[in-house]
Protein backbone atom coordinates (compact mmCIF):
# COMPACT_ATOMS: atom_id res chain seq x y z
CA MET A 1 46.34 24.26 82.55
CA THR A 2 48.65 24.26 85.03
CA GLY A 3 52.61 22.64 85.32
CA HIS A 4 51.22 19.27 86.29
CA ASP A 5 48.55 19.06 84.18
CA ASP A 6 50.59 20.46 81.14
CA ALA A 7 53.83 17.85 82.40
CA ARG A 8 50.95 14.80 82.05
CA THR A 9 49.73 15.86 78.73
CA ALA A 10 51.07 14.18 75.82
CA SER A 11 53.30 15.75 73.16
CA ARG A 12 51.56 16.64 69.91
CA VAL A 13 54.84 16.03 67.47
CA PRO A 14 57.46 14.25 67.24
CA ASP A 15 60.64 14.03 69.17
CA PRO A 16 63.67 14.37 66.26
CA THR A 17 64.59 10.68 65.95
CA ALA A 18 67.37 9.19 63.20
CA GLY A 19 63.22 8.91 61.15
CA PHE A 20 62.00 11.99 61.68
CA TRP A 21 65.24 14.17 59.64
CA LEU A 22 65.07 11.79 56.59
CA ALA A 23 61.15 12.25 56.72
CA LYS A 24 61.27 15.65 57.28
CA ALA A 25 64.32 16.04 54.33
CA ALA A 26 61.43 13.88 52.34
CA SER A 27 58.98 16.17 53.41
CA THR A 28 61.02 19.53 51.32
CA ALA A 29 62.15 17.94 48.57
CA PHE A 30 58.46 16.57 48.36
CA GLY A 31 57.39 19.73 48.31
CA GLU A 32 59.17 21.97 46.47
CA ALA A 33 58.48 19.29 43.57
CA ALA A 34 55.04 19.38 44.92
CA SER A 35 54.66 22.76 44.03
CA ASP A 36 56.43 23.42 40.61
CA PHE A 37 54.88 20.92 39.21
CA SER A 38 51.30 22.16 40.41
CA ILE A 39 52.10 25.55 39.24
CA HIS A 40 53.14 23.85 35.34
CA VAL A 41 49.78 21.84 35.38
CA MET A 42 46.98 24.41 36.43
CA PRO A 43 46.77 28.56 36.60
CA PRO A 44 49.35 29.73 39.31
CA VAL A 45 46.71 31.05 40.88
CA LEU A 46 44.70 28.78 41.45
CA ALA A 47 47.50 26.42 42.61
CA VAL A 48 48.47 28.41 44.87
CA LEU A 49 45.02 29.11 46.51
CA LEU A 50 44.40 24.93 45.95
CA GLY A 51 47.97 24.22 47.96
CA PHE A 52 46.83 27.03 50.40
CA VAL A 53 42.93 24.80 50.94
CA LEU A 54 45.16 21.75 51.77
CA PHE A 55 47.28 23.20 54.02
CA SER A 56 44.81 24.65 55.87
CA GLY A 57 42.57 21.67 56.08
CA ALA A 58 45.37 19.54 57.13
CA LEU A 59 46.44 22.10 59.61
CA THR A 60 42.87 21.56 61.32
CA TRP A 61 42.64 18.36 61.31
CA GLN A 62 46.13 17.85 62.69
CA LEU A 63 45.02 20.33 65.67
CA THR A 64 41.98 18.52 66.55
CA ARG A 65 43.96 15.41 66.80
CA ARG A 66 44.98 16.72 70.54
CA ARG A 67 48.00 14.66 70.43
CA HIS A 68 50.58 13.49 68.23
CA VAL A 69 49.16 10.56 65.39
CA PRO A 70 52.49 10.26 62.50
CA GLY A 71 50.04 10.39 59.69
CA VAL A 72 48.15 13.53 60.12
CA TYR A 73 51.27 14.85 61.64
CA TRP A 74 53.59 14.81 58.68
CA LEU A 75 50.67 15.12 55.89
CA THR A 76 50.83 18.82 57.75
CA VAL A 77 54.21 18.84 56.79
CA ALA A 78 53.86 18.21 53.49
CA MET A 79 51.65 20.88 53.03
CA VAL A 80 53.32 23.29 54.63
CA GLY A 81 55.74 22.18 52.67
CA VAL A 82 53.66 22.67 49.48
CA PHE A 83 52.15 26.38 50.27
CA GLY A 84 54.69 27.00 52.17
CA THR A 85 57.57 27.34 48.33
CA MET A 86 54.59 29.05 46.61
CA ALA A 87 54.53 31.56 48.95
CA ALA A 88 57.89 32.27 48.93
CA ASP A 89 57.80 32.79 45.10
CA VAL A 90 55.15 34.51 44.47
CA VAL A 91 56.53 36.85 47.05
CA HIS A 92 59.74 36.27 45.23
CA VAL A 93 58.33 36.67 41.20
CA VAL A 94 54.44 38.41 41.49
CA ILE A 95 56.13 40.90 43.83
CA GLY A 96 59.59 41.08 42.45
CA LEU A 97 61.88 40.74 46.00
CA PRO A 98 65.25 39.55 45.73
CA TYR A 99 65.92 36.46 47.18
CA ALA A 100 68.22 38.64 49.57
CA VAL A 101 65.81 41.07 50.80
CA THR A 102 63.17 37.60 51.62
CA THR A 103 65.80 36.27 53.72
CA VAL A 104 66.23 38.67 56.43
CA VAL A 105 62.41 39.10 56.15
CA TYR A 106 61.10 35.53 56.92
CA ALA A 107 64.74 34.74 59.36
CA LEU A 108 63.44 38.14 61.11
CA ALA A 109 59.51 36.95 61.22
CA LEU A 110 61.32 33.10 62.17
CA GLY A 111 63.19 36.05 64.98
CA VAL A 112 59.45 37.14 66.45
CA VAL A 113 58.47 33.79 66.71
CA PHE A 114 60.74 32.05 68.77
CA LEU A 115 61.06 35.72 70.76
CA LEU A 116 57.00 35.89 71.18
CA TRP A 117 56.66 31.85 71.88
CA SER A 118 59.87 31.73 74.33
CA ARG A 119 58.29 34.89 76.50
CA ILE A 120 54.54 33.08 76.18
CA GLU A 121 55.74 29.87 77.21
CA GLY A 122 58.86 30.37 78.77
CA SER A 123 60.65 27.70 75.83
CA VAL A 124 60.81 26.91 72.20
CA SER A 125 61.75 22.80 72.67
CA VAL A 126 59.74 20.60 70.73
CA HIS A 127 59.16 18.33 74.07
CA GLU A 128 57.67 21.12 75.42
CA VAL A 129 54.60 20.71 72.58
CA ARG A 130 52.04 20.09 74.76
CA THR A 131 49.09 22.53 74.50
CA THR A 132 47.20 23.98 72.07
CA ARG A 133 48.57 27.11 72.72
CA ARG A 134 52.38 25.41 72.56
CA GLU A 135 51.44 24.08 69.22
CA LEU A 136 49.87 27.07 66.80
CA PHE A 137 53.25 28.56 67.50
CA TYR A 138 55.33 25.66 66.62
CA TRP A 139 53.04 25.49 63.06
CA ALA A 140 54.41 29.30 63.22
CA ALA A 141 57.79 28.05 63.79
CA VAL A 142 57.61 25.26 60.93
CA VAL A 143 55.71 27.89 58.34
CA ALA A 144 58.09 30.22 59.16
CA THR A 145 61.32 28.10 58.65
CA PHE A 146 59.82 26.70 55.44
CA ALA A 147 59.75 30.44 53.97
CA LEU A 148 63.15 30.78 55.12
CA GLY A 149 64.71 27.61 53.50
CA THR A 150 62.92 28.48 50.22
CA ALA A 151 64.05 32.19 49.96
CA ALA A 152 67.97 30.46 51.47
CA GLY A 153 68.37 27.57 48.74
CA ASP A 154 66.59 29.57 46.32
CA LEU A 155 69.75 32.58 47.24
CA ALA A 156 72.29 29.98 46.79
CA ALA A 157 71.54 28.31 43.46
CA VAL A 158 70.02 30.98 41.64
CA GLY A 159 70.31 34.57 43.09
CA LEU A 160 73.87 33.44 43.84
CA GLY A 161 74.55 32.03 40.54
CA LEU A 162 75.96 28.01 42.55
CA GLY A 163 73.38 26.31 41.10
CA TYR A 164 71.39 22.71 42.97
CA VAL A 165 74.59 20.27 43.16
CA PRO A 166 76.96 22.42 44.74
CA SER A 167 74.45 24.04 46.77
CA ILE A 168 73.35 20.65 47.59
CA VAL A 169 76.73 20.44 48.48
CA LEU A 170 76.64 23.95 51.23
CA PHE A 171 73.61 22.82 53.12
CA ALA A 172 74.56 19.25 53.72
CA VAL A 173 78.13 21.07 54.98
CA LEU A 174 75.99 23.51 56.99
CA ILE A 175 73.85 21.14 58.19
CA LEU A 176 76.69 19.66 59.76
CA VAL A 177 77.49 21.91 62.39
CA PRO A 178 74.89 21.86 64.60
CA ALA A 179 74.09 18.06 64.82
CA LEU A 180 78.25 17.81 65.45
CA GLY A 181 77.97 20.50 67.31
CA PHE A 182 75.39 19.16 69.75
CA ARG A 183 76.34 15.62 69.40
CA PHE A 184 80.35 16.56 70.18
CA LEU A 185 80.43 20.04 72.01
CA ARG A 186 77.65 20.99 74.88
CA TRP A 187 75.78 22.89 71.29
CA ASN A 188 72.70 24.24 73.19
CA GLY A 189 69.57 21.49 71.80
CA THR A 190 66.82 23.29 70.89
CA LEU A 191 69.11 26.39 69.09
CA SER A 192 70.71 22.94 67.39
CA PHE A 193 67.41 22.07 67.08
CA TRP A 194 66.13 24.60 64.76
CA ALA A 195 69.01 25.24 63.07
CA ALA A 196 68.84 21.56 61.47
CA TYR A 197 65.36 21.72 60.30
CA VAL A 198 65.31 25.46 58.66
CA LEU A 199 68.79 24.03 56.77
CA THR A 200 66.86 20.90 55.71
CA ARG A 201 64.11 22.92 53.72
CA PRO A 202 67.43 24.30 51.31
CA LEU A 203 68.79 20.79 51.28
CA GLY A 204 65.54 19.02 50.22
CA ALA A 205 64.59 21.31 47.97
CA SER A 206 67.94 21.67 45.79
CA ILE A 207 67.69 18.22 45.60
CA ALA A 208 64.62 18.29 44.36
CA ASP A 209 65.24 20.63 41.33
CA ALA A 210 68.83 19.18 41.44
CA LEU A 211 66.27 16.07 39.77
CA GLY A 212 63.61 17.84 38.25
CA LYS A 213 64.73 20.99 35.98
CA PRO A 214 65.05 20.11 32.94
CA THR A 215 69.06 20.04 32.52
CA THR A 216 68.65 23.56 30.38
CA GLU A 217 68.60 24.71 33.72
CA GLY A 218 70.69 23.36 35.54
CA GLY A 219 68.95 19.62 36.00
CA VAL A 220 69.16 15.77 35.91
CA GLY A 221 65.50 16.44 33.89
CA VAL A 222 63.50 13.27 35.58
CA GLY A 223 60.74 16.09 35.68
CA SER A 224 58.74 17.35 39.00
CA GLY A 225 56.27 15.59 38.37
CA TRP A 226 57.81 12.14 39.77
CA VAL A 227 60.07 13.22 42.16
CA ALA A 228 57.38 14.86 44.18
CA LEU A 229 55.92 11.04 43.63
CA GLY A 230 59.33 9.38 44.45
CA CYS A 231 59.48 11.77 47.80
CA ALA A 232 56.48 10.96 48.89
CA ILE A 233 56.55 7.24 47.75
CA LEU A 234 59.66 7.92 50.34
CA MET A 235 57.56 9.47 53.02
CA VAL A 236 54.33 6.84 53.47
CA ILE A 237 57.99 3.97 53.81
CA VAL A 238 59.21 5.93 56.76
CA VAL A 239 56.41 7.40 58.52
CA ALA A 240 55.25 3.56 58.43
CA THR A 241 58.57 1.82 60.10
CA MET A 242 58.44 4.52 62.54
CA ARG A 243 55.17 3.38 63.49
CA ARG A 244 56.27 0.19 63.83
CA SER A 245 59.11 1.10 65.56
CA ARG A 246 57.40 3.34 68.04
CA ASN A 247 58.62 1.46 70.55
CA GLY A 248 62.41 0.58 71.48
CA SER A 249 62.90 -0.36 67.53
CA ASP A 250 65.47 0.76 65.52
CA LEU A 251 64.95 4.12 64.23
CA GLU A 252 63.45 5.41 67.81
CA THR A 253 66.62 4.21 69.63
CA GLY A 254 69.08 4.63 66.69
CA ALA A 255 71.35 7.24 66.95
CA ARG A 256 69.36 10.59 67.37
CA THR A 257 70.97 13.67 65.19
CA VAL A 258 69.50 16.27 67.05
CA GLN A 259 67.74 16.10 70.01
CA SER A 260 66.70 19.39 71.67
CA ARG A 261 66.28 19.45 74.56
CA PRO A 262 64.64 22.11 76.86
CA VAL A 263 65.74 25.88 77.29
């Protein structure tokens, strides 16, 4: 595909608007809660296999759309959240790697994805995802960010013993760094976007754990199933609102917290 043809092709992924970040945060909390719920209501191996099947099916559906379809895109993100959480937990629980090690491993994996993406395609900007190859790099990065965010969140809450509520505060503060840096200090938009994208994962997961975990484990005790249901409903509402406002209403023209630009 030539550069001219590529420029005329519609983007296959959404711009990072205010609604995007709200849906992303809900998807991370949903992934954490749904993963916890599934491994308690069915054998863990079956839960992981089912998560992989649903993730693969959603990703295949997304890749065959060849354009941005909000419902399909966010279903895929939600399934990445569920399976990514399971995969990260399996590495820790089954293999026994410490959270600090898995955090470093996933950070390196994400770095490799970005390096290959940048060298082959020339940009890791979400505004340039207009071909199947670029979209494959995009989803590889998304999966790696979910795994990294899961490991980092567990490292803070459990490995370092901070607990869920202090972890929420920690990651809420950290996510403001790229947001404010982009907004007021002219930080690189692409780097700011991906930094915020990684940090939404441990933030959402910490919120889900704080609400869903039993009081004996430092949570409120609402239950992971109810938290997953609530987050799913929130995602549906946000995505439906974004669909109605695609032509320029509040969510599309509101504050863009960390919008990426081509590098």
